[in-house]
Amino acid sequence: MKKRMPELRFSGFTASWQASQIGKVSKFVASTTNKKDTVAQASTSHPYPLYDGNKCIGYSKSYIFDQDYIALSKDGTVGKLSLKPAFSDVIATIGALQAQKGVDLLLALQRCDLSKYAVGSAVKHIYFKDYQEHSLYIPQKQEQQKISQFFCCHRTTNCCCAAITNAN
């Protein structure tokens, strides 16, 4: 039987982690934006940054979420995760996930191996319908925050932990 919490924990936390599924703790949006629909510089008609799996590649007419979200590569490097800012868009080969209130989805997804849901021979693909029922174990909000703070303090790059949990 799989344990619902790790053996090593911060002191003061003893509650079992809540079992859930990716599809129940997040909202998925599949972008339809293609690079050809973008412009190189921000303008009044294209004010929103557009991202591929690595960087901003142009500007779009629309955005996906009005809060930070997680971008997940659907083609090629399936399952690659990155945090994207509110009022931005991603190209069609990237899916967007937004956490439900009080869930540190990035932390939970980083513990998952979504590659087992990849299909295809030449170029691998991953579809939300295939991994939406993947089980996650999620600690209570205070423990999530403690874990996120710990990892932020040990990163050598900019800390983005405040943005990975939907606090609304």
N, C-alpha and C. Protein backbone atom coordinates (compact mmCIF):
# COMPACT_ATOMS: atom_id res chain seq x y z
N MET A 1 0.85 -1.19 0.00
CA MET A 1 0.00 0.00 0.00
C MET A 1 0.89 1.24 0.00
N LYS A 2 0.56 2.20 -0.82
CA LYS A 2 1.35 3.41 -0.96
C LYS A 2 1.06 4.35 0.21
N LYS A 3 2.13 4.91 0.78
CA LYS A 3 1.96 5.84 1.89
C LYS A 3 1.43 7.17 1.39
N ARG A 4 0.67 7.84 2.25
CA ARG A 4 0.07 9.12 1.88
C ARG A 4 0.92 10.31 2.30
N MET A 5 2.12 10.06 2.80
CA MET A 5 3.00 11.15 3.19
C MET A 5 4.42 10.62 3.25
N PRO A 6 5.38 11.50 3.11
CA PRO A 6 6.77 11.05 3.16
C PRO A 6 7.19 10.75 4.60
N GLU A 7 8.25 9.98 4.72
CA GLU A 7 8.76 9.66 6.05
C GLU A 7 9.47 10.85 6.68
N LEU A 8 10.14 11.66 5.86
CA LEU A 8 10.85 12.83 6.35
C LEU A 8 9.95 14.05 6.18
N ARG A 9 9.65 14.71 7.32
CA ARG A 9 8.74 15.86 7.29
C ARG A 9 9.25 16.93 8.23
N PHE A 10 8.74 18.14 8.03
CA PHE A 10 9.03 19.22 8.96
C PHE A 10 8.33 18.93 10.28
N SER A 11 8.94 19.33 11.38
CA SER A 11 8.32 19.09 12.68
C SER A 11 7.01 19.87 12.79
N GLY A 12 6.07 19.29 13.51
CA GLY A 12 4.78 19.93 13.72
C GLY A 12 3.72 19.51 12.72
N PHE A 13 4.10 18.79 11.68
CA PHE A 13 3.12 18.35 10.68
C PHE A 13 2.95 16.84 10.78
N THR A 14 1.75 16.42 11.09
CA THR A 14 1.48 14.99 11.26
C THR A 14 0.28 14.49 10.46
N ALA A 15 -0.52 15.39 9.92
CA ALA A 15 -1.73 14.99 9.19
C ALA A 15 -1.37 14.26 7.90
N SER A 16 -2.20 13.29 7.54
CA SER A 16 -2.02 12.59 6.27
C SER A 16 -2.21 13.56 5.11
N TRP A 17 -1.51 13.29 4.04
CA TRP A 17 -1.67 14.10 2.85
C TRP A 17 -2.95 13.66 2.14
N GLN A 18 -3.66 14.60 1.57
CA GLN A 18 -4.94 14.34 0.92
C GLN A 18 -4.71 13.73 -0.47
N ALA A 19 -5.36 12.60 -0.72
CA ALA A 19 -5.29 11.98 -2.04
C ALA A 19 -6.25 12.70 -2.98
N SER A 20 -5.78 13.01 -4.16
CA SER A 20 -6.62 13.66 -5.17
C SER A 20 -6.10 13.28 -6.55
N GLN A 21 -6.67 13.89 -7.57
CA GLN A 21 -6.24 13.65 -8.95
C GLN A 21 -5.93 14.98 -9.61
N ILE A 22 -5.02 14.97 -10.57
CA ILE A 22 -4.62 16.20 -11.25
C ILE A 22 -5.84 16.95 -11.77
N GLY A 23 -6.75 16.26 -12.40
CA GLY A 23 -7.93 16.90 -12.97
C GLY A 23 -8.88 17.50 -11.96
N LYS A 24 -8.78 17.07 -10.70
CA LYS A 24 -9.66 17.59 -9.66
C LYS A 24 -9.07 18.78 -8.92
N VAL A 25 -7.77 18.99 -9.05
CA VAL A 25 -7.12 20.11 -8.35
C VAL A 25 -6.57 21.16 -9.30
N SER A 26 -6.94 21.04 -10.58
CA SER A 26 -6.45 22.01 -11.56
C SER A 26 -7.46 22.23 -12.66
N LYS A 27 -7.25 23.33 -13.35
CA LYS A 27 -8.02 23.64 -14.56
C LYS A 27 -7.04 23.58 -15.72
N PHE A 28 -7.40 22.84 -16.77
CA PHE A 28 -6.53 22.69 -17.93
C PHE A 28 -7.06 23.52 -19.09
N VAL A 29 -6.15 24.22 -19.77
CA VAL A 29 -6.50 24.96 -20.98
C VAL A 29 -5.49 24.58 -22.06
N ALA A 30 -6.01 24.18 -23.20
CA ALA A 30 -5.15 23.89 -24.35
C ALA A 30 -5.11 25.13 -25.22
N SER A 31 -3.95 25.71 -25.34
CA SER A 31 -3.80 26.90 -26.18
C SER A 31 -3.95 26.53 -27.65
N THR A 32 -4.47 27.46 -28.41
CA THR A 32 -4.58 27.26 -29.87
C THR A 32 -3.71 28.27 -30.62
N THR A 33 -2.91 29.01 -29.88
CA THR A 33 -2.08 30.05 -30.49
C THR A 33 -0.88 29.44 -31.21
N ASN A 34 -0.66 29.87 -32.43
CA ASN A 34 0.50 29.45 -33.21
C ASN A 34 1.46 30.62 -33.33
N LYS A 35 2.73 30.32 -33.51
CA LYS A 35 3.74 31.38 -33.63
C LYS A 35 3.41 32.35 -34.76
N LYS A 36 2.82 31.86 -35.84
CA LYS A 36 2.50 32.73 -36.98
C LYS A 36 1.43 33.77 -36.63
N ASP A 37 0.70 33.55 -35.55
CA ASP A 37 -0.34 34.50 -35.12
C ASP A 37 0.20 35.57 -34.18
N THR A 38 1.51 35.66 -34.05
CA THR A 38 2.11 36.57 -33.08
C THR A 38 2.94 37.65 -33.76
N VAL A 39 3.34 38.61 -32.97
CA VAL A 39 4.24 39.66 -33.44
C VAL A 39 5.48 39.68 -32.55
N ALA A 40 6.56 40.24 -33.06
CA ALA A 40 7.83 40.24 -32.34
C ALA A 40 7.86 41.21 -31.16
N GLN A 41 7.17 42.34 -31.28
CA GLN A 41 7.17 43.36 -30.23
C GLN A 41 5.76 43.55 -29.68
N ALA A 42 5.67 43.85 -28.40
CA ALA A 42 4.37 44.11 -27.79
C ALA A 42 3.73 45.33 -28.45
N SER A 43 2.42 45.28 -28.62
CA SER A 43 1.69 46.40 -29.21
C SER A 43 0.29 46.43 -28.60
N THR A 44 -0.48 47.44 -28.93
CA THR A 44 -1.84 47.51 -28.39
C THR A 44 -2.70 46.35 -28.87
N SER A 45 -2.43 45.84 -30.06
CA SER A 45 -3.21 44.70 -30.56
C SER A 45 -2.65 43.35 -30.11
N HIS A 46 -1.40 43.31 -29.70
CA HIS A 46 -0.74 42.07 -29.26
C HIS A 46 0.06 42.35 -27.97
N PRO A 47 -0.62 42.60 -26.85
CA PRO A 47 0.10 43.00 -25.64
C PRO A 47 0.59 41.86 -24.74
N TYR A 48 0.21 40.62 -25.02
CA TYR A 48 0.47 39.53 -24.08
C TYR A 48 1.66 38.67 -24.51
N PRO A 49 2.63 38.44 -23.60
CA PRO A 49 3.78 37.61 -23.94
C PRO A 49 3.34 36.19 -24.33
N LEU A 50 3.99 35.63 -25.33
CA LEU A 50 3.73 34.27 -25.79
C LEU A 50 4.98 33.44 -25.54
N TYR A 51 4.81 32.29 -24.89
CA TYR A 51 5.94 31.44 -24.52
C TYR A 51 5.90 30.11 -25.27
N ASP A 52 7.09 29.61 -25.57
CA ASP A 52 7.21 28.21 -25.98
C ASP A 52 7.66 27.47 -24.73
N GLY A 53 8.28 26.34 -24.86
CA GLY A 53 8.70 25.59 -23.68
C GLY A 53 9.84 26.22 -22.90
N ASN A 54 10.53 27.20 -23.50
CA ASN A 54 11.71 27.77 -22.86
C ASN A 54 11.67 29.27 -22.58
N LYS A 55 11.11 30.04 -23.52
CA LYS A 55 11.24 31.50 -23.39
C LYS A 55 10.09 32.21 -24.10
N CYS A 56 10.07 33.52 -23.94
CA CYS A 56 9.10 34.36 -24.65
C CYS A 56 9.53 34.42 -26.11
N ILE A 57 8.59 34.11 -27.01
CA ILE A 57 8.92 34.07 -28.44
C ILE A 57 8.16 35.12 -29.25
N GLY A 58 7.35 35.93 -28.59
CA GLY A 58 6.59 36.95 -29.29
C GLY A 58 5.45 37.44 -28.42
N TYR A 59 4.47 38.08 -29.05
CA TYR A 59 3.33 38.64 -28.32
C TYR A 59 2.03 38.24 -29.00
N SER A 60 1.03 37.99 -28.17
CA SER A 60 -0.24 37.44 -28.63
C SER A 60 -1.39 38.41 -28.38
N LYS A 61 -2.51 38.15 -29.04
CA LYS A 61 -3.73 38.95 -28.85
C LYS A 61 -4.47 38.56 -27.57
N SER A 62 -4.20 37.38 -27.05
CA SER A 62 -4.97 36.88 -25.91
C SER A 62 -4.06 36.29 -24.83
N TYR A 63 -4.65 36.05 -23.69
CA TYR A 63 -3.93 35.39 -22.60
C TYR A 63 -4.77 34.21 -22.11
N ILE A 64 -4.14 33.32 -21.36
CA ILE A 64 -4.82 32.11 -20.89
C ILE A 64 -5.47 32.33 -19.53
N PHE A 65 -4.70 32.76 -18.55
CA PHE A 65 -5.19 32.95 -17.19
C PHE A 65 -4.82 34.35 -16.70
N ASP A 66 -5.60 34.86 -15.77
CA ASP A 66 -5.27 36.15 -15.16
C ASP A 66 -4.45 35.97 -13.89
N GLN A 67 -3.95 34.76 -13.66
CA GLN A 67 -3.05 34.45 -12.56
C GLN A 67 -1.93 33.57 -13.10
N ASP A 68 -0.83 33.47 -12.36
CA ASP A 68 0.27 32.61 -12.78
C ASP A 68 -0.25 31.20 -13.00
N TYR A 69 0.40 30.46 -13.89
CA TYR A 69 -0.03 29.11 -14.21
C TYR A 69 1.18 28.25 -14.56
N ILE A 70 0.94 26.97 -14.69
CA ILE A 70 2.00 26.02 -15.02
C ILE A 70 1.84 25.62 -16.48
N ALA A 71 2.91 25.75 -17.23
CA ALA A 71 2.94 25.30 -18.62
C ALA A 71 3.54 23.90 -18.65
N LEU A 72 2.93 23.03 -19.43
CA LEU A 72 3.36 21.64 -19.52
C LEU A 72 3.51 21.29 -21.00
N SER A 73 4.71 20.88 -21.37
CA SER A 73 4.99 20.53 -22.76
C SER A 73 4.20 19.29 -23.16
N LYS A 74 3.45 19.39 -24.26
CA LYS A 74 2.62 18.28 -24.73
C LYS A 74 3.29 17.47 -25.84
N ASP A 75 4.26 18.04 -26.52
CA ASP A 75 4.92 17.38 -27.65
C ASP A 75 6.43 17.40 -27.46
N GLY A 76 7.08 16.34 -27.88
CA GLY A 76 8.55 16.29 -27.80
C GLY A 76 9.03 16.03 -26.39
N THR A 77 9.35 17.08 -25.65
CA THR A 77 9.82 16.93 -24.27
C THR A 77 8.61 16.85 -23.34
N VAL A 78 7.82 15.81 -23.51
CA VAL A 78 6.55 15.68 -22.80
C VAL A 78 6.72 15.77 -21.29
N GLY A 79 5.83 16.54 -20.69
CA GLY A 79 5.82 16.66 -19.24
C GLY A 79 6.75 17.70 -18.67
N LYS A 80 7.52 18.41 -19.50
CA LYS A 80 8.40 19.47 -19.00
C LYS A 80 7.53 20.58 -18.42
N LEU A 81 7.81 20.97 -17.20
CA LEU A 81 7.02 21.97 -16.49
C LEU A 81 7.75 23.29 -16.39
N SER A 82 6.99 24.38 -16.45
CA SER A 82 7.55 25.70 -16.19
C SER A 82 6.45 26.62 -15.70
N LEU A 83 6.83 27.57 -14.90
CA LEU A 83 5.89 28.54 -14.36
C LEU A 83 5.80 29.72 -15.32
N LYS A 84 4.59 30.14 -15.64
CA LYS A 84 4.38 31.27 -16.54
C LYS A 84 3.59 32.35 -15.81
N PRO A 85 3.83 33.62 -16.18
CA PRO A 85 3.14 34.72 -15.49
C PRO A 85 1.70 34.90 -15.96
N ALA A 86 0.92 35.51 -15.10
CA ALA A 86 -0.46 35.88 -15.45
C ALA A 86 -0.44 36.74 -16.70
N PHE A 87 -1.55 36.77 -17.40
CA PHE A 87 -1.73 37.60 -18.60
C PHE A 87 -0.66 37.29 -19.65
N SER A 88 -0.46 36.01 -19.89
CA SER A 88 0.44 35.56 -20.96
C SER A 88 -0.22 34.38 -21.66
N ASP A 89 0.42 33.92 -22.72
CA ASP A 89 -0.11 32.82 -23.52
C ASP A 89 1.03 31.85 -23.81
N VAL A 90 0.68 30.64 -24.23
CA VAL A 90 1.67 29.64 -24.64
C VAL A 90 1.28 29.13 -26.02
N ILE A 91 2.26 28.63 -26.76
CA ILE A 91 1.97 28.09 -28.09
C ILE A 91 1.17 26.80 -27.96
N ALA A 92 0.61 26.36 -29.08
CA ALA A 92 -0.31 25.23 -29.09
C ALA A 92 0.30 23.91 -28.63
N THR A 93 1.62 23.78 -28.63
CA THR A 93 2.25 22.54 -28.18
C THR A 93 2.45 22.50 -26.67
N ILE A 94 1.96 23.51 -25.99
CA ILE A 94 2.08 23.61 -24.54
C ILE A 94 0.68 23.63 -23.94
N GLY A 95 0.47 22.86 -22.88
CA GLY A 95 -0.79 22.92 -22.15
C GLY A 95 -0.62 23.83 -20.95
N ALA A 96 -1.71 24.35 -20.44
CA ALA A 96 -1.65 25.25 -19.28
C ALA A 96 -2.53 24.71 -18.17
N LEU A 97 -1.97 24.64 -16.98
CA LEU A 97 -2.69 24.16 -15.80
C LEU A 97 -2.69 25.25 -14.74
N GLN A 98 -3.85 25.49 -14.16
CA GLN A 98 -3.95 26.44 -13.06
C GLN A 98 -4.45 25.69 -11.84
N ALA A 99 -3.76 25.88 -10.74
CA ALA A 99 -4.11 25.19 -9.50
C ALA A 99 -5.41 25.71 -8.90
N GLN A 100 -6.12 24.80 -8.25
CA GLN A 100 -7.25 25.23 -7.45
C GLN A 100 -6.74 25.95 -6.22
N LYS A 101 -7.62 26.66 -5.59
CA LYS A 101 -7.29 27.41 -4.37
C LYS A 101 -6.58 26.52 -3.36
N GLY A 102 -5.44 27.02 -2.88
CA GLY A 102 -4.72 26.35 -1.80
C GLY A 102 -3.92 25.13 -2.20
N VAL A 103 -3.69 24.90 -3.48
CA VAL A 103 -2.92 23.74 -3.92
C VAL A 103 -1.64 24.19 -4.60
N ASP A 104 -0.51 23.72 -4.10
CA ASP A 104 0.78 23.99 -4.73
C ASP A 104 0.97 22.94 -5.81
N LEU A 105 0.40 23.20 -6.96
CA LEU A 105 0.37 22.22 -8.04
C LEU A 105 1.75 21.96 -8.63
N LEU A 106 2.57 22.99 -8.74
CA LEU A 106 3.91 22.78 -9.29
C LEU A 106 4.70 21.80 -8.43
N LEU A 107 4.66 21.99 -7.13
CA LEU A 107 5.35 21.08 -6.22
C LEU A 107 4.83 19.66 -6.39
N ALA A 108 3.51 19.50 -6.47
CA ALA A 108 2.92 18.17 -6.63
C ALA A 108 3.31 17.55 -7.97
N LEU A 109 3.26 18.33 -9.04
CA LEU A 109 3.58 17.79 -10.37
C LEU A 109 5.05 17.45 -10.52
N GLN A 110 5.92 18.18 -9.83
CA GLN A 110 7.35 17.89 -9.91
C GLN A 110 7.68 16.53 -9.30
N ARG A 111 6.80 16.02 -8.47
CA ARG A 111 6.99 14.70 -7.87
C ARG A 111 6.42 13.58 -8.75
N CYS A 112 5.78 13.93 -9.86
CA CYS A 112 5.14 12.95 -10.74
C CYS A 112 6.03 12.58 -11.92
N ASP A 113 5.85 11.37 -12.40
CA ASP A 113 6.47 10.96 -13.66
C ASP A 113 5.35 10.84 -14.69
N LEU A 114 5.10 11.93 -15.40
CA LEU A 114 4.03 11.93 -16.39
C LEU A 114 4.45 11.30 -17.71
N SER A 115 5.72 10.95 -17.84
CA SER A 115 6.19 10.37 -19.10
C SER A 115 5.52 9.03 -19.40
N LYS A 116 5.00 8.36 -18.39
CA LYS A 116 4.33 7.08 -18.63
C LYS A 116 3.02 7.26 -19.40
N TYR A 117 2.54 8.50 -19.51
CA TYR A 117 1.32 8.78 -20.27
C TYR A 117 1.62 9.22 -21.70
N ALA A 118 2.89 9.26 -22.05
CA ALA A 118 3.28 9.69 -23.39
C ALA A 118 2.95 8.62 -24.42
N VAL A 119 2.49 9.07 -25.58
CA VAL A 119 2.16 8.17 -26.68
C VAL A 119 2.85 8.68 -27.94
N GLY A 120 3.00 7.78 -28.91
CA GLY A 120 3.63 8.16 -30.18
C GLY A 120 5.00 7.53 -30.31
N SER A 121 5.42 7.33 -31.54
CA SER A 121 6.72 6.70 -31.75
C SER A 121 7.80 7.70 -32.13
N ALA A 122 7.60 8.45 -33.18
CA ALA A 122 8.63 9.40 -33.61
C ALA A 122 8.70 10.61 -32.68
N VAL A 123 7.56 11.24 -32.45
CA VAL A 123 7.47 12.38 -31.53
C VAL A 123 6.45 12.02 -30.46
N LYS A 124 6.89 12.03 -29.23
CA LYS A 124 6.00 11.69 -28.11
C LYS A 124 5.02 12.83 -27.85
N HIS A 125 3.82 12.48 -27.44
CA HIS A 125 2.77 13.44 -27.09
C HIS A 125 2.16 13.02 -25.76
N ILE A 126 1.63 13.99 -25.04
CA ILE A 126 0.93 13.71 -23.79
C ILE A 126 -0.37 14.50 -23.80
N TYR A 127 -1.44 13.85 -23.38
CA TYR A 127 -2.76 14.46 -23.42
C TYR A 127 -3.36 14.50 -22.02
N PHE A 128 -4.00 15.63 -21.70
CA PHE A 128 -4.61 15.82 -20.39
C PHE A 128 -5.60 14.70 -20.07
N LYS A 129 -6.36 14.26 -21.05
CA LYS A 129 -7.36 13.20 -20.82
C LYS A 129 -6.70 11.92 -20.30
N ASP A 130 -5.42 11.72 -20.62
CA ASP A 130 -4.72 10.52 -20.18
C ASP A 130 -4.13 10.63 -18.78
N TYR A 131 -3.74 11.84 -18.36
CA TYR A 131 -3.12 11.97 -17.04
C TYR A 131 -3.98 12.71 -16.03
N GLN A 132 -5.17 13.15 -16.39
CA GLN A 132 -6.00 13.91 -15.46
C GLN A 132 -6.40 13.10 -14.22
N GLU A 133 -6.41 11.78 -14.32
CA GLU A 133 -6.77 10.95 -13.17
C GLU A 133 -5.55 10.46 -12.39
N HIS A 134 -4.37 10.95 -12.76
CA HIS A 134 -3.15 10.59 -12.04
C HIS A 134 -3.27 11.04 -10.58
N SER A 135 -2.97 10.13 -9.67
CA SER A 135 -3.11 10.43 -8.24
C SER A 135 -1.98 11.32 -7.73
N LEU A 136 -2.37 12.27 -6.91
CA LEU A 136 -1.43 13.15 -6.21
C LEU A 136 -1.73 13.07 -4.72
N TYR A 137 -0.72 13.27 -3.93
CA TYR A 137 -0.91 13.39 -2.48
C TYR A 137 -0.50 14.80 -2.10
N ILE A 138 -1.45 15.54 -1.53
CA ILE A 138 -1.26 16.96 -1.29
C ILE A 138 -1.34 17.26 0.20
N PRO A 139 -0.28 17.86 0.76
CA PRO A 139 -0.32 18.23 2.18
C PRO A 139 -1.24 19.42 2.42
N GLN A 140 -1.55 19.66 3.68
CA GLN A 140 -2.34 20.84 4.02
C GLN A 140 -1.57 22.09 3.62
N LYS A 141 -2.29 23.18 3.43
CA LYS A 141 -1.71 24.41 2.88
C LYS A 141 -0.47 24.88 3.65
N GLN A 142 -0.51 24.85 4.97
CA GLN A 142 0.64 25.33 5.76
C GLN A 142 1.88 24.48 5.49
N GLU A 143 1.70 23.17 5.34
CA GLU A 143 2.84 22.31 5.05
C GLU A 143 3.34 22.54 3.62
N GLN A 144 2.42 22.76 2.68
CA GLN A 144 2.82 23.08 1.30
C GLN A 144 3.70 24.33 1.29
N GLN A 145 3.28 25.35 2.04
CA GLN A 145 4.03 26.60 2.08
C GLN A 145 5.42 26.39 2.67
N LYS A 146 5.51 25.60 3.71
CA LYS A 146 6.80 25.31 4.35
C LYS A 146 7.73 24.58 3.37
N ILE A 147 7.20 23.62 2.64
CA ILE A 147 8.00 22.88 1.66
C ILE A 147 8.46 23.82 0.55
N SER A 148 7.55 24.64 0.03
CA SER A 148 7.91 25.59 -1.03
C SER A 148 8.98 26.57 -0.57
N GLN A 149 8.83 27.09 0.64
CA GLN A 149 9.82 28.03 1.18
C GLN A 149 11.18 27.36 1.29
N PHE A 150 11.20 26.11 1.71
CA PHE A 150 12.45 25.38 1.83
C PHE A 150 13.15 25.29 0.48
N PHE A 151 12.41 24.89 -0.55
CA PHE A 151 13.03 24.76 -1.87
C PHE A 151 13.41 26.11 -2.46
N CYS A 152 12.63 27.14 -2.19
CA CYS A 152 12.99 28.48 -2.68
C CYS A 152 14.31 28.94 -2.07
N CYS A 153 14.47 28.71 -0.81
CA CYS A 153 15.69 29.15 -0.12
C CYS A 153 16.92 28.41 -0.61
N HIS A 154 16.74 27.27 -1.25
CA HIS A 154 17.87 26.47 -1.71
C HIS A 154 18.08 26.54 -3.22
N ARG A 155 17.37 27.43 -3.89
CA ARG A 155 17.56 27.62 -5.33
C ARG A 155 18.65 28.66 -5.55
N THR A 156 19.34 28.52 -6.67
CA THR A 156 20.36 29.52 -7.00
C THR A 156 19.81 30.56 -7.97
N THR A 157 18.61 30.31 -8.51
CA THR A 157 17.99 31.27 -9.42
C THR A 157 16.91 32.04 -8.68
N ASN A 158 16.21 32.90 -9.39
CA ASN A 158 15.16 33.71 -8.78
C ASN A 158 14.08 32.84 -8.15
N CYS A 159 13.61 33.27 -7.02
CA CYS A 159 12.58 32.53 -6.31
C CYS A 159 11.21 32.88 -6.89
N CYS A 160 10.44 31.88 -7.19
CA CYS A 160 9.11 32.12 -7.74
C CYS A 160 8.05 31.41 -6.92
N CYS A 161 8.38 30.99 -5.73
CA CYS A 161 7.46 30.17 -4.94
C CYS A 161 6.15 30.87 -4.62
N ALA A 162 6.16 32.17 -4.45
CA ALA A 162 4.92 32.87 -4.12
C ALA A 162 3.91 32.71 -5.23
N ALA A 163 4.37 32.47 -6.42
CA ALA A 163 3.46 32.41 -7.57
C ALA A 163 2.94 31.01 -7.87
N ILE A 164 3.52 29.96 -7.31
CA ILE A 164 3.11 28.63 -7.72
C ILE A 164 1.87 28.12 -7.02
N THR A 165 1.47 28.74 -5.96
CA THR A 165 0.25 28.34 -5.28
C THR A 165 -0.83 29.36 -5.56
N ASN A 166 -1.95 28.90 -6.03
CA ASN A 166 -3.08 29.80 -6.25
C ASN A 166 -3.65 30.14 -4.89
N ALA A 167 -3.43 31.33 -4.43
CA ALA A 167 -3.81 31.73 -3.08
C ALA A 167 -5.23 32.25 -2.97
N ASN A 168 -5.94 32.37 -4.06
CA ASN A 168 -7.31 32.90 -4.01
C ASN A 168 -8.26 31.94 -3.35
